[in-house]
Amino acid sequence: MVGFMRRFLLVIALGIAGTAGAFAQAGAPQPATPAQAVAIFAGGCFWCVEADFDKVDGVVSTISGYTGGNVANPTYQQVSAGGTGHAEAVKITYDPAKVSYEKLLETFWHNIDPLAKDRQFCDSGRQYRAAIFYANENEKRLAEASKKAVEAQLKAKVTTEIVAAGPFYPAEDYHQDYYLKNPAKYKFYRWNCGRDQRLEQIWGKKTG
């Protein structure tokens, strides 16, 4: 039902913007420079994950996309229908001098439901799974250590996956910065999905 709601909101947004079918190749951020690094996380709806990480000081850019599957250059329709193996994910370019990978992991955990398997909040299916896609052994080690820490904190099994990063395919342009382009529709979706309500149940009220 919520998947239908997301598609309904997209139809409205596309009608207003006149961007139906546009793909996000031109909207992709520039590759990280030597002074920058990249992290990839999946936490359900990429509109929400992108909005959460854009608030982090030291994050240079975020891009919504698809990864973890076996179909090259997938469309939103393909991924949301299931069967591609891809998850909605966000590619984060950041400045390690301002924010560490460990801090990004902390932000990730506190903005997902780590106890939910193959779903996040109101969105269900493998395409909405929570996952950390590591680029090297150090990221893998840090991710696994943080997962153990979360399990100890919550005293429950964490189902979030930790897997090697593969090809990342940018999502269509109308998905990028959706929360900025369509603030009312985004806020309605996020509230109706129960995302922040569930996060408060798990992690408590946010401060600051």
N, C-alpha and C. Protein backbone atom coordinates (compact mmCIF):
# COMPACT_ATOMS: atom_id res chain seq x y z
N MET A 1 0.83 -1.20 0.00
CA MET A 1 0.00 0.00 0.00
C MET A 1 0.86 1.25 0.00
N VAL A 2 1.91 1.24 0.85
CA VAL A 2 2.77 2.40 0.91
C VAL A 2 3.58 2.54 -0.37
N GLY A 3 3.95 1.37 -0.95
CA GLY A 3 4.63 1.43 -2.23
C GLY A 3 3.77 2.13 -3.26
N PHE A 4 2.46 1.87 -3.22
CA PHE A 4 1.53 2.56 -4.12
C PHE A 4 1.53 4.04 -3.83
N MET A 5 1.56 4.41 -2.53
CA MET A 5 1.55 5.82 -2.16
C MET A 5 2.79 6.52 -2.70
N ARG A 6 3.94 5.87 -2.59
CA ARG A 6 5.17 6.47 -3.11
C ARG A 6 5.06 6.69 -4.60
N ARG A 7 4.52 5.69 -5.31
CA ARG A 7 4.38 5.84 -6.76
C ARG A 7 3.39 6.95 -7.09
N PHE A 8 2.34 7.07 -6.28
CA PHE A 8 1.36 8.14 -6.50
C PHE A 8 2.01 9.50 -6.32
N LEU A 9 2.82 9.66 -5.27
CA LEU A 9 3.50 10.93 -5.05
C LEU A 9 4.46 11.23 -6.18
N LEU A 10 5.10 10.19 -6.70
CA LEU A 10 6.04 10.39 -7.81
C LEU A 10 5.32 10.84 -9.07
N VAL A 11 4.16 10.27 -9.33
CA VAL A 11 3.40 10.68 -10.51
C VAL A 11 3.07 12.15 -10.43
N ILE A 12 2.65 12.61 -9.25
CA ILE A 12 2.33 14.03 -9.08
C ILE A 12 3.57 14.88 -9.28
N ALA A 13 4.68 14.46 -8.66
CA ALA A 13 5.91 15.24 -8.77
C ALA A 13 6.40 15.30 -10.21
N LEU A 14 6.28 14.19 -10.91
CA LEU A 14 6.72 14.15 -12.29
C LEU A 14 5.84 15.02 -13.17
N GLY A 15 4.56 15.03 -12.88
CA GLY A 15 3.66 15.86 -13.67
C GLY A 15 3.98 17.33 -13.52
N ILE A 16 4.34 17.72 -12.28
CA ILE A 16 4.66 19.11 -12.01
C ILE A 16 6.00 19.48 -12.64
N ALA A 17 6.98 18.61 -12.47
CA ALA A 17 8.32 18.93 -12.93
C ALA A 17 8.51 18.68 -14.41
N GLY A 18 7.65 17.83 -14.99
CA GLY A 18 7.80 17.51 -16.41
C GLY A 18 9.05 16.73 -16.71
N THR A 19 9.43 15.86 -15.76
CA THR A 19 10.69 15.16 -15.93
C THR A 19 10.51 13.66 -16.04
N ALA A 20 9.34 13.20 -16.44
CA ALA A 20 9.09 11.77 -16.53
C ALA A 20 10.12 11.11 -17.42
N GLY A 21 10.71 10.03 -16.88
CA GLY A 21 11.66 9.24 -17.66
C GLY A 21 13.08 9.78 -17.63
N ALA A 22 13.31 10.92 -17.01
CA ALA A 22 14.66 11.48 -17.00
C ALA A 22 15.54 10.62 -16.13
N PHE A 23 16.76 10.35 -16.55
CA PHE A 23 17.68 9.52 -15.78
C PHE A 23 18.77 10.38 -15.19
N ALA A 24 19.39 9.95 -14.09
CA ALA A 24 20.22 10.83 -13.28
C ALA A 24 21.69 10.82 -13.64
N GLN A 25 22.05 10.52 -14.87
CA GLN A 25 23.46 10.51 -15.21
C GLN A 25 24.08 11.89 -15.02
N ALA A 26 23.42 12.93 -15.51
CA ALA A 26 23.98 14.27 -15.42
C ALA A 26 23.96 14.79 -14.01
N GLY A 27 23.06 14.27 -13.19
CA GLY A 27 22.92 14.76 -11.83
C GLY A 27 23.85 14.06 -10.84
N ALA A 28 24.63 13.11 -11.29
CA ALA A 28 25.52 12.38 -10.38
C ALA A 28 26.62 13.29 -9.89
N PRO A 29 27.02 13.19 -8.61
CA PRO A 29 28.11 14.01 -8.09
C PRO A 29 29.42 13.61 -8.72
N GLN A 30 30.37 14.52 -8.68
CA GLN A 30 31.69 14.24 -9.21
C GLN A 30 32.37 13.17 -8.36
N PRO A 31 33.26 12.36 -8.96
CA PRO A 31 33.98 11.34 -8.18
C PRO A 31 34.75 11.99 -7.04
N ALA A 32 34.91 11.24 -5.97
CA ALA A 32 35.62 11.76 -4.81
C ALA A 32 37.05 12.11 -5.18
N THR A 33 37.53 13.22 -4.66
CA THR A 33 38.92 13.62 -4.86
C THR A 33 39.79 12.89 -3.85
N PRO A 34 41.13 13.00 -3.97
CA PRO A 34 41.98 12.34 -2.98
C PRO A 34 41.69 12.75 -1.55
N ALA A 35 41.13 13.95 -1.36
CA ALA A 35 40.82 14.42 -0.01
C ALA A 35 39.44 14.00 0.45
N GLN A 36 38.75 13.25 -0.40
CA GLN A 36 37.40 12.82 -0.07
C GLN A 36 37.31 11.30 -0.09
N ALA A 37 36.22 10.78 0.46
CA ALA A 37 35.98 9.34 0.48
C ALA A 37 34.50 9.10 0.22
N VAL A 38 34.16 7.83 -0.02
CA VAL A 38 32.79 7.47 -0.37
C VAL A 38 32.30 6.36 0.56
N ALA A 39 31.06 6.46 0.98
CA ALA A 39 30.40 5.41 1.75
C ALA A 39 29.06 5.12 1.11
N ILE A 40 28.62 3.86 1.18
CA ILE A 40 27.33 3.48 0.60
C ILE A 40 26.51 2.74 1.64
N PHE A 41 25.30 3.25 1.88
CA PHE A 41 24.39 2.66 2.85
C PHE A 41 23.00 2.48 2.25
N ALA A 42 22.33 1.42 2.66
CA ALA A 42 20.93 1.20 2.31
C ALA A 42 20.13 1.19 3.60
N GLY A 43 19.07 1.99 3.63
CA GLY A 43 18.26 2.06 4.84
C GLY A 43 16.80 2.27 4.53
N GLY A 44 16.31 1.52 3.55
CA GLY A 44 14.93 1.71 3.13
C GLY A 44 14.83 2.84 2.13
N CYS A 45 13.75 3.59 2.17
CA CYS A 45 13.51 4.68 1.23
C CYS A 45 14.71 5.60 1.11
N PHE A 46 15.27 5.71 -0.10
CA PHE A 46 16.47 6.53 -0.24
C PHE A 46 16.20 8.02 -0.13
N TRP A 47 14.95 8.44 -0.31
CA TRP A 47 14.64 9.85 -0.06
C TRP A 47 15.02 10.22 1.37
N CYS A 48 14.66 9.34 2.30
CA CYS A 48 14.87 9.61 3.73
C CYS A 48 16.34 9.50 4.11
N VAL A 49 17.01 8.49 3.59
CA VAL A 49 18.43 8.29 3.91
C VAL A 49 19.24 9.48 3.41
N GLU A 50 18.93 9.93 2.20
CA GLU A 50 19.63 11.08 1.64
C GLU A 50 19.42 12.31 2.52
N ALA A 51 18.18 12.55 2.93
CA ALA A 51 17.88 13.71 3.78
C ALA A 51 18.62 13.64 5.11
N ASP A 52 18.70 12.45 5.70
CA ASP A 52 19.38 12.29 6.99
C ASP A 52 20.88 12.57 6.88
N PHE A 53 21.52 12.09 5.84
CA PHE A 53 22.97 12.28 5.71
C PHE A 53 23.35 13.67 5.23
N ASP A 54 22.45 14.34 4.53
CA ASP A 54 22.75 15.71 4.10
C ASP A 54 22.90 16.66 5.29
N LYS A 55 22.39 16.25 6.44
CA LYS A 55 22.49 17.08 7.64
C LYS A 55 23.85 16.96 8.33
N VAL A 56 24.64 15.98 7.94
CA VAL A 56 25.89 15.69 8.64
C VAL A 56 27.00 16.61 8.16
N ASP A 57 27.63 17.31 9.07
CA ASP A 57 28.75 18.17 8.74
C ASP A 57 29.90 17.32 8.21
N GLY A 58 30.44 17.69 7.08
CA GLY A 58 31.51 16.93 6.46
C GLY A 58 31.06 16.10 5.28
N VAL A 59 29.75 15.91 5.14
CA VAL A 59 29.22 15.24 3.96
C VAL A 59 29.21 16.23 2.81
N VAL A 60 29.86 15.86 1.71
CA VAL A 60 29.99 16.75 0.56
C VAL A 60 28.79 16.63 -0.37
N SER A 61 28.36 15.39 -0.62
CA SER A 61 27.22 15.17 -1.52
C SER A 61 26.61 13.80 -1.25
N THR A 62 25.35 13.66 -1.64
CA THR A 62 24.67 12.37 -1.55
C THR A 62 23.95 12.13 -2.86
N ILE A 63 23.84 10.87 -3.25
CA ILE A 63 23.07 10.54 -4.44
C ILE A 63 22.30 9.25 -4.19
N SER A 64 21.03 9.27 -4.50
CA SER A 64 20.19 8.08 -4.37
C SER A 64 20.43 7.16 -5.56
N GLY A 65 20.38 5.86 -5.30
CA GLY A 65 20.60 4.92 -6.39
C GLY A 65 20.29 3.49 -5.99
N TYR A 66 20.79 2.57 -6.80
CA TYR A 66 20.50 1.15 -6.63
C TYR A 66 21.81 0.37 -6.64
N THR A 67 21.91 -0.61 -5.75
CA THR A 67 23.12 -1.43 -5.69
C THR A 67 22.81 -2.75 -5.01
N GLY A 68 23.73 -3.70 -5.18
CA GLY A 68 23.59 -4.99 -4.51
C GLY A 68 22.88 -6.05 -5.33
N GLY A 69 22.49 -5.71 -6.57
CA GLY A 69 21.73 -6.65 -7.39
C GLY A 69 22.50 -7.14 -8.61
N ASN A 70 21.75 -7.69 -9.55
CA ASN A 70 22.38 -8.31 -10.72
C ASN A 70 21.83 -7.79 -12.04
N VAL A 71 21.18 -6.64 -12.02
CA VAL A 71 20.66 -6.03 -13.25
C VAL A 71 21.37 -4.71 -13.48
N ALA A 72 21.98 -4.55 -14.64
CA ALA A 72 22.70 -3.32 -14.96
C ALA A 72 21.72 -2.21 -15.30
N ASN A 73 22.02 -1.00 -14.84
CA ASN A 73 21.23 0.19 -15.14
C ASN A 73 19.73 -0.02 -14.90
N PRO A 74 19.37 -0.47 -13.71
CA PRO A 74 17.94 -0.72 -13.43
C PRO A 74 17.15 0.58 -13.33
N THR A 75 15.87 0.49 -13.56
CA THR A 75 14.97 1.62 -13.37
C THR A 75 14.30 1.50 -12.01
N TYR A 76 13.70 2.58 -11.56
CA TYR A 76 12.96 2.55 -10.30
C TYR A 76 11.83 1.53 -10.36
N GLN A 77 11.16 1.48 -11.49
CA GLN A 77 10.05 0.54 -11.63
C GLN A 77 10.53 -0.90 -11.47
N GLN A 78 11.69 -1.22 -12.04
CA GLN A 78 12.24 -2.57 -11.91
C GLN A 78 12.61 -2.89 -10.47
N VAL A 79 13.31 -1.96 -9.83
CA VAL A 79 13.78 -2.21 -8.46
C VAL A 79 12.61 -2.28 -7.49
N SER A 80 11.68 -1.35 -7.59
CA SER A 80 10.56 -1.32 -6.65
C SER A 80 9.65 -2.53 -6.80
N ALA A 81 9.65 -3.14 -8.00
CA ALA A 81 8.83 -4.34 -8.22
C ALA A 81 9.47 -5.57 -7.61
N GLY A 82 10.76 -5.51 -7.28
CA GLY A 82 11.48 -6.66 -6.73
C GLY A 82 12.03 -7.52 -7.85
N GLY A 83 12.95 -8.40 -7.51
CA GLY A 83 13.49 -9.33 -8.48
C GLY A 83 14.82 -8.95 -9.08
N THR A 84 15.26 -7.70 -8.91
CA THR A 84 16.56 -7.30 -9.45
C THR A 84 17.70 -7.61 -8.49
N GLY A 85 17.37 -7.81 -7.22
CA GLY A 85 18.40 -8.01 -6.20
C GLY A 85 18.93 -6.71 -5.65
N HIS A 86 18.60 -5.59 -6.29
CA HIS A 86 19.11 -4.30 -5.84
C HIS A 86 18.35 -3.78 -4.62
N ALA A 87 19.03 -2.96 -3.86
CA ALA A 87 18.41 -2.22 -2.76
C ALA A 87 18.46 -0.74 -3.09
N GLU A 88 17.45 0.00 -2.63
CA GLU A 88 17.56 1.44 -2.67
C GLU A 88 18.69 1.83 -1.72
N ALA A 89 19.61 2.65 -2.19
CA ALA A 89 20.78 2.98 -1.38
C ALA A 89 21.20 4.42 -1.66
N VAL A 90 22.13 4.90 -0.85
CA VAL A 90 22.65 6.25 -1.03
C VAL A 90 24.17 6.22 -1.01
N LYS A 91 24.74 6.87 -2.01
CA LYS A 91 26.19 7.00 -2.12
C LYS A 91 26.58 8.34 -1.52
N ILE A 92 27.44 8.31 -0.52
CA ILE A 92 27.79 9.50 0.25
C ILE A 92 29.26 9.85 0.01
N THR A 93 29.50 11.02 -0.50
CA THR A 93 30.86 11.53 -0.62
C THR A 93 31.11 12.45 0.57
N TYR A 94 32.22 12.21 1.27
CA TYR A 94 32.47 12.97 2.49
C TYR A 94 33.94 13.34 2.64
N ASP A 95 34.19 14.28 3.52
CA ASP A 95 35.55 14.74 3.81
C ASP A 95 36.01 14.09 5.11
N PRO A 96 36.94 13.14 5.04
CA PRO A 96 37.38 12.43 6.26
C PRO A 96 38.03 13.35 7.29
N ALA A 97 38.46 14.54 6.84
CA ALA A 97 39.05 15.49 7.79
C ALA A 97 37.98 16.13 8.67
N LYS A 98 36.72 16.05 8.23
CA LYS A 98 35.63 16.66 8.97
C LYS A 98 34.70 15.63 9.62
N VAL A 99 34.57 14.48 9.00
CA VAL A 99 33.70 13.44 9.55
C VAL A 99 34.31 12.08 9.27
N SER A 100 34.34 11.23 10.26
CA SER A 100 34.94 9.91 10.11
C SER A 100 33.93 8.89 9.60
N TYR A 101 34.44 7.78 9.10
CA TYR A 101 33.55 6.69 8.67
C TYR A 101 32.78 6.15 9.87
N GLU A 102 33.44 6.13 11.04
CA GLU A 102 32.75 5.68 12.25
C GLU A 102 31.55 6.57 12.57
N LYS A 103 31.69 7.87 12.38
CA LYS A 103 30.58 8.80 12.63
C LYS A 103 29.45 8.56 11.63
N LEU A 104 29.80 8.27 10.38
CA LEU A 104 28.78 7.96 9.38
C LEU A 104 28.04 6.68 9.77
N LEU A 105 28.77 5.70 10.28
CA LEU A 105 28.12 4.47 10.75
C LEU A 105 27.15 4.77 11.89
N GLU A 106 27.55 5.61 12.80
CA GLU A 106 26.67 5.98 13.91
C GLU A 106 25.40 6.66 13.40
N THR A 107 25.58 7.56 12.43
CA THR A 107 24.42 8.23 11.84
C THR A 107 23.52 7.21 11.15
N PHE A 108 24.12 6.28 10.43
CA PHE A 108 23.36 5.24 9.75
C PHE A 108 22.51 4.44 10.72
N TRP A 109 23.14 3.91 11.76
CA TRP A 109 22.41 3.05 12.69
C TRP A 109 21.23 3.79 13.34
N HIS A 110 21.45 5.05 13.69
CA HIS A 110 20.41 5.79 14.41
C HIS A 110 19.31 6.32 13.49
N ASN A 111 19.40 6.00 12.21
CA ASN A 111 18.36 6.41 11.28
C ASN A 111 17.73 5.23 10.53
N ILE A 112 17.97 4.02 11.05
CA ILE A 112 17.33 2.83 10.50
C ILE A 112 16.76 1.98 11.63
N ASP A 113 15.97 0.98 11.25
CA ASP A 113 15.52 -0.05 12.19
C ASP A 113 16.42 -1.26 11.97
N PRO A 114 17.43 -1.46 12.80
CA PRO A 114 18.39 -2.55 12.59
C PRO A 114 17.83 -3.93 12.90
N LEU A 115 16.62 -3.97 13.43
CA LEU A 115 16.02 -5.26 13.79
C LEU A 115 15.10 -5.79 12.70
N ALA A 116 14.83 -5.00 11.69
CA ALA A 116 13.90 -5.38 10.62
C ALA A 116 14.65 -6.06 9.48
N LYS A 117 14.18 -7.21 9.05
CA LYS A 117 14.82 -7.95 7.98
C LYS A 117 14.02 -7.78 6.68
N ASP A 118 14.74 -7.41 5.62
CA ASP A 118 14.13 -7.26 4.29
C ASP A 118 12.96 -6.29 4.29
N ARG A 119 13.10 -5.24 5.06
CA ARG A 119 12.11 -4.17 5.10
C ARG A 119 12.68 -3.02 5.92
N GLN A 120 12.08 -1.85 5.78
CA GLN A 120 12.36 -0.74 6.67
C GLN A 120 11.07 0.04 6.82
N PHE A 121 10.61 0.10 8.06
CA PHE A 121 9.40 0.85 8.38
C PHE A 121 8.23 0.33 7.55
N CYS A 122 7.56 1.17 6.76
CA CYS A 122 6.38 0.71 6.03
C CYS A 122 6.70 0.04 4.71
N ASP A 123 7.96 0.08 4.28
CA ASP A 123 8.34 -0.49 2.99
C ASP A 123 8.92 -1.89 3.19
N SER A 124 8.34 -2.88 2.53
CA SER A 124 8.79 -4.25 2.69
C SER A 124 9.30 -4.83 1.38
N GLY A 125 10.23 -5.77 1.51
CA GLY A 125 10.84 -6.40 0.35
C GLY A 125 12.35 -6.23 0.39
N ARG A 126 13.06 -7.11 -0.32
CA ARG A 126 14.53 -7.06 -0.34
C ARG A 126 15.05 -5.71 -0.83
N GLN A 127 14.29 -5.05 -1.68
CA GLN A 127 14.73 -3.77 -2.23
C GLN A 127 14.79 -2.67 -1.16
N TYR A 128 14.18 -2.95 0.01
CA TYR A 128 14.19 -1.98 1.10
C TYR A 128 15.00 -2.48 2.30
N ARG A 129 15.85 -3.45 2.09
CA ARG A 129 16.67 -3.98 3.18
C ARG A 129 17.69 -2.94 3.64
N ALA A 130 18.10 -3.08 4.88
CA ALA A 130 19.17 -2.24 5.42
C ALA A 130 20.50 -2.95 5.20
N ALA A 131 21.50 -2.20 4.73
CA ALA A 131 22.79 -2.82 4.43
C ALA A 131 23.90 -1.77 4.44
N ILE A 132 25.07 -2.23 4.79
CA ILE A 132 26.30 -1.43 4.69
C ILE A 132 27.14 -2.07 3.61
N PHE A 133 27.51 -1.29 2.61
CA PHE A 133 28.31 -1.79 1.49
C PHE A 133 29.74 -1.26 1.66
N TYR A 134 30.63 -2.14 2.12
CA TYR A 134 31.99 -1.70 2.43
C TYR A 134 32.88 -1.74 1.18
N ALA A 135 33.83 -0.79 1.14
CA ALA A 135 34.73 -0.67 -0.01
C ALA A 135 36.08 -1.32 0.24
N ASN A 136 36.42 -1.59 1.50
CA ASN A 136 37.72 -2.18 1.81
C ASN A 136 37.63 -2.90 3.15
N GLU A 137 38.71 -3.55 3.53
CA GLU A 137 38.72 -4.35 4.76
C GLU A 137 38.57 -3.49 6.01
N ASN A 138 39.10 -2.27 5.97
CA ASN A 138 38.97 -1.40 7.14
C ASN A 138 37.51 -1.02 7.36
N GLU A 139 36.80 -0.67 6.29
CA GLU A 139 35.37 -0.36 6.42
C GLU A 139 34.59 -1.58 6.90
N LYS A 140 34.96 -2.75 6.40
CA LYS A 140 34.29 -3.98 6.83
C LYS A 140 34.48 -4.20 8.33
N ARG A 141 35.72 -4.02 8.79
CA ARG A 141 36.03 -4.21 10.21
C ARG A 141 35.25 -3.23 11.07
N LEU A 142 35.21 -1.98 10.66
CA LEU A 142 34.50 -0.96 11.43
C LEU A 142 33.00 -1.23 11.43
N ALA A 143 32.47 -1.65 10.28
CA ALA A 143 31.04 -1.94 10.18
C ALA A 143 30.66 -3.11 11.08
N GLU A 144 31.46 -4.17 11.06
CA GLU A 144 31.16 -5.34 11.88
C GLU A 144 31.25 -5.01 13.37
N ALA A 145 32.25 -4.19 13.73
CA ALA A 145 32.39 -3.80 15.13
C ALA A 145 31.20 -2.96 15.58
N SER A 146 30.75 -2.07 14.71
CA SER A 146 29.61 -1.23 15.07
C SER A 146 28.33 -2.06 15.17
N LYS A 147 28.20 -3.06 14.33
CA LYS A 147 27.03 -3.93 14.39
C LYS A 147 26.99 -4.68 15.72
N LYS A 148 28.13 -5.18 16.15
CA LYS A 148 28.19 -5.88 17.44
C LYS A 148 27.84 -4.93 18.58
N ALA A 149 28.29 -3.68 18.48
CA ALA A 149 28.00 -2.70 19.52
C ALA A 149 26.50 -2.40 19.58
N VAL A 150 25.86 -2.33 18.42
CA VAL A 150 24.42 -2.07 18.37
C VAL A 150 23.66 -3.26 18.96
N GLU A 151 24.09 -4.48 18.64
CA GLU A 151 23.44 -5.67 19.20
C GLU A 151 23.55 -5.67 20.72
N ALA A 152 24.72 -5.28 21.23
CA ALA A 152 24.90 -5.23 22.68
C ALA A 152 24.03 -4.15 23.30
N GLN A 153 23.91 -3.02 22.61
CA GLN A 153 23.10 -1.91 23.13
C GLN A 153 21.61 -2.26 23.15
N LEU A 154 21.14 -2.87 22.07
CA LEU A 154 19.71 -3.16 21.95
C LEU A 154 19.35 -4.52 22.54
N LYS A 155 20.39 -5.34 22.83
CA LYS A 155 20.16 -6.68 23.36
C LYS A 155 19.23 -7.48 22.45
N ALA A 156 19.52 -7.41 21.16
CA ALA A 156 18.70 -8.09 20.15
C ALA A 156 19.54 -8.35 18.91
N LYS A 157 19.09 -9.31 18.10
CA LYS A 157 19.81 -9.65 16.88
C LYS A 157 19.61 -8.57 15.83
N VAL A 158 20.70 -8.06 15.29
CA VAL A 158 20.66 -7.06 14.23
C VAL A 158 20.71 -7.78 12.88
N THR A 159 19.75 -7.47 12.02
CA THR A 159 19.65 -8.18 10.73
C THR A 159 20.25 -7.39 9.57
N THR A 160 20.76 -6.21 9.85
CA THR A 160 21.38 -5.37 8.81
C THR A 160 22.55 -6.11 8.17
N GLU A 161 22.60 -6.12 6.86
CA GLU A 161 23.65 -6.84 6.13
C GLU A 161 24.91 -5.99 5.99
N ILE A 162 26.05 -6.66 5.97
CA ILE A 162 27.33 -6.02 5.71
C ILE A 162 27.97 -6.79 4.55
N VAL A 163 28.04 -6.14 3.40
CA VAL A 163 28.49 -6.82 2.18
C VAL A 163 29.43 -5.93 1.39
N ALA A 164 30.23 -6.57 0.55
CA ALA A 164 31.17 -5.81 -0.30
C ALA A 164 30.41 -4.96 -1.31
N ALA A 165 30.90 -3.76 -1.52
CA ALA A 165 30.26 -2.85 -2.47
C ALA A 165 30.49 -3.34 -3.90
N GLY A 166 29.47 -3.20 -4.71
CA GLY A 166 29.55 -3.51 -6.13
C GLY A 166 29.16 -2.28 -6.93
N PRO A 167 28.76 -2.46 -8.18
CA PRO A 167 28.34 -1.32 -8.99
C PRO A 167 27.18 -0.57 -8.35
N PHE A 168 27.27 0.75 -8.42
CA PHE A 168 26.21 1.61 -7.91
C PHE A 168 25.61 2.37 -9.09
N TYR A 169 24.29 2.29 -9.22
CA TYR A 169 23.60 2.92 -10.35
C TYR A 169 22.76 4.08 -9.84
N PRO A 170 23.08 5.31 -10.23
CA PRO A 170 22.28 6.46 -9.78
C PRO A 170 20.81 6.31 -10.18
N ALA A 171 19.95 6.70 -9.29
CA ALA A 171 18.51 6.67 -9.57
C ALA A 171 18.15 7.82 -10.50
N GLU A 172 16.93 7.78 -10.99
CA GLU A 172 16.43 8.81 -11.88
C GLU A 172 16.49 10.18 -11.21
N ASP A 173 16.57 11.21 -12.04
CA ASP A 173 16.78 12.57 -11.53
C ASP A 173 15.69 13.01 -10.57
N TYR A 174 14.46 12.58 -10.80
CA TYR A 174 13.38 13.06 -9.94
C TYR A 174 13.48 12.52 -8.53
N HIS A 175 14.32 11.50 -8.30
CA HIS A 175 14.53 10.99 -6.95
C HIS A 175 15.58 11.80 -6.19
N GLN A 176 16.49 12.45 -6.91
CA GLN A 176 17.58 13.16 -6.26
C GLN A 176 17.04 14.39 -5.52
N ASP A 177 17.45 14.54 -4.26
CA ASP A 177 17.00 15.67 -3.43
C ASP A 177 15.49 15.78 -3.40
N TYR A 178 14.81 14.64 -3.38
CA TYR A 178 13.35 14.65 -3.40
C TYR A 178 12.79 15.45 -2.24
N TYR A 179 13.45 15.36 -1.09
CA TYR A 179 12.94 16.04 0.10
C TYR A 179 13.02 17.56 -0.04
N LEU A 180 13.91 18.03 -0.91
CA LEU A 180 14.02 19.47 -1.17
C LEU A 180 13.09 19.91 -2.30
N LYS A 181 12.95 19.08 -3.31
CA LYS A 181 12.11 19.42 -4.45
C LYS A 181 10.62 19.34 -4.12
N ASN A 182 10.27 18.40 -3.25
CA ASN A 182 8.87 18.14 -2.91
C ASN A 182 8.70 18.02 -1.40
N PRO A 183 8.96 19.10 -0.66
CA PRO A 183 8.98 19.00 0.81
C PRO A 183 7.68 18.54 1.44
N ALA A 184 6.55 19.01 0.95
CA ALA A 184 5.28 18.62 1.54
C ALA A 184 5.00 17.14 1.32
N LYS A 185 5.21 16.67 0.10
CA LYS A 185 4.97 15.25 -0.21
C LYS A 185 5.95 14.36 0.54
N TYR A 186 7.21 14.83 0.67
CA TYR A 186 8.20 14.05 1.40
C TYR A 186 7.81 13.93 2.88
N LYS A 187 7.44 15.04 3.49
CA LYS A 187 7.07 15.01 4.91
C LYS A 187 5.85 14.13 5.14
N PHE A 188 4.89 14.18 4.21
CA PHE A 188 3.70 13.34 4.34
C PHE A 188 4.08 11.87 4.25
N TYR A 189 4.94 11.53 3.28
CA TYR A 189 5.37 10.13 3.14
C TYR A 189 6.10 9.67 4.40
N ARG A 190 7.05 10.47 4.87
CA ARG A 190 7.86 10.06 6.01
C ARG A 190 6.99 9.88 7.26
N TRP A 191 6.05 10.79 7.47
CA TRP A 191 5.15 10.68 8.63
C TRP A 191 4.25 9.46 8.47
N ASN A 192 3.66 9.29 7.31
CA ASN A 192 2.72 8.20 7.09
C ASN A 192 3.41 6.84 7.17
N CYS A 193 4.70 6.82 6.86
CA CYS A 193 5.47 5.58 6.91
C CYS A 193 5.85 5.21 8.35
N GLY A 194 5.71 6.15 9.27
CA GLY A 194 6.03 5.87 10.67
C GLY A 194 7.52 5.79 10.96
N ARG A 195 8.32 6.39 10.09
CA ARG A 195 9.77 6.26 10.23
C ARG A 195 10.28 6.86 11.54
N ASP A 196 9.96 8.11 11.78
CA ASP A 196 10.48 8.77 12.98
C ASP A 196 9.86 8.23 14.26
N GLN A 197 8.61 7.79 14.16
CA GLN A 197 7.97 7.19 15.34
C GLN A 197 8.70 5.91 15.75
N ARG A 198 9.04 5.08 14.77
CA ARG A 198 9.75 3.83 15.06
C ARG A 198 11.18 4.11 15.54
N LEU A 199 11.84 5.09 14.94
CA LEU A 199 13.20 5.43 15.36
C LEU A 199 13.21 5.89 16.82
N GLU A 200 12.19 6.61 17.22
CA GLU A 200 12.13 7.05 18.62
C GLU A 200 11.92 5.87 19.55
N GLN A 201 11.15 4.88 19.10
CA GLN A 201 10.94 3.68 19.92
C GLN A 201 12.27 2.95 20.15
N ILE A 202 13.10 2.89 19.11
CA ILE A 202 14.35 2.14 19.20
C ILE A 202 15.43 2.93 19.92
N TRP A 203 15.60 4.19 19.52
CA TRP A 203 16.77 4.97 19.94
C TRP A 203 16.45 6.07 20.95
N GLY A 204 15.17 6.34 21.18
CA GLY A 204 14.80 7.45 22.05
C GLY A 204 14.71 8.75 21.25
N LYS A 205 14.28 9.79 21.93
CA LYS A 205 14.11 11.08 21.27
C LYS A 205 15.47 11.67 20.89
N LYS A 206 15.51 12.27 19.70
CA LYS A 206 16.74 12.94 19.28
C LYS A 206 16.92 14.23 20.05
N THR A 207 18.17 14.54 20.33
CA THR A 207 18.48 15.79 21.05
C THR A 207 19.27 16.70 20.13
N GLY A 208 19.19 17.97 20.35
CA GLY A 208 19.95 18.94 19.56
C GLY A 208 19.29 19.23 18.25
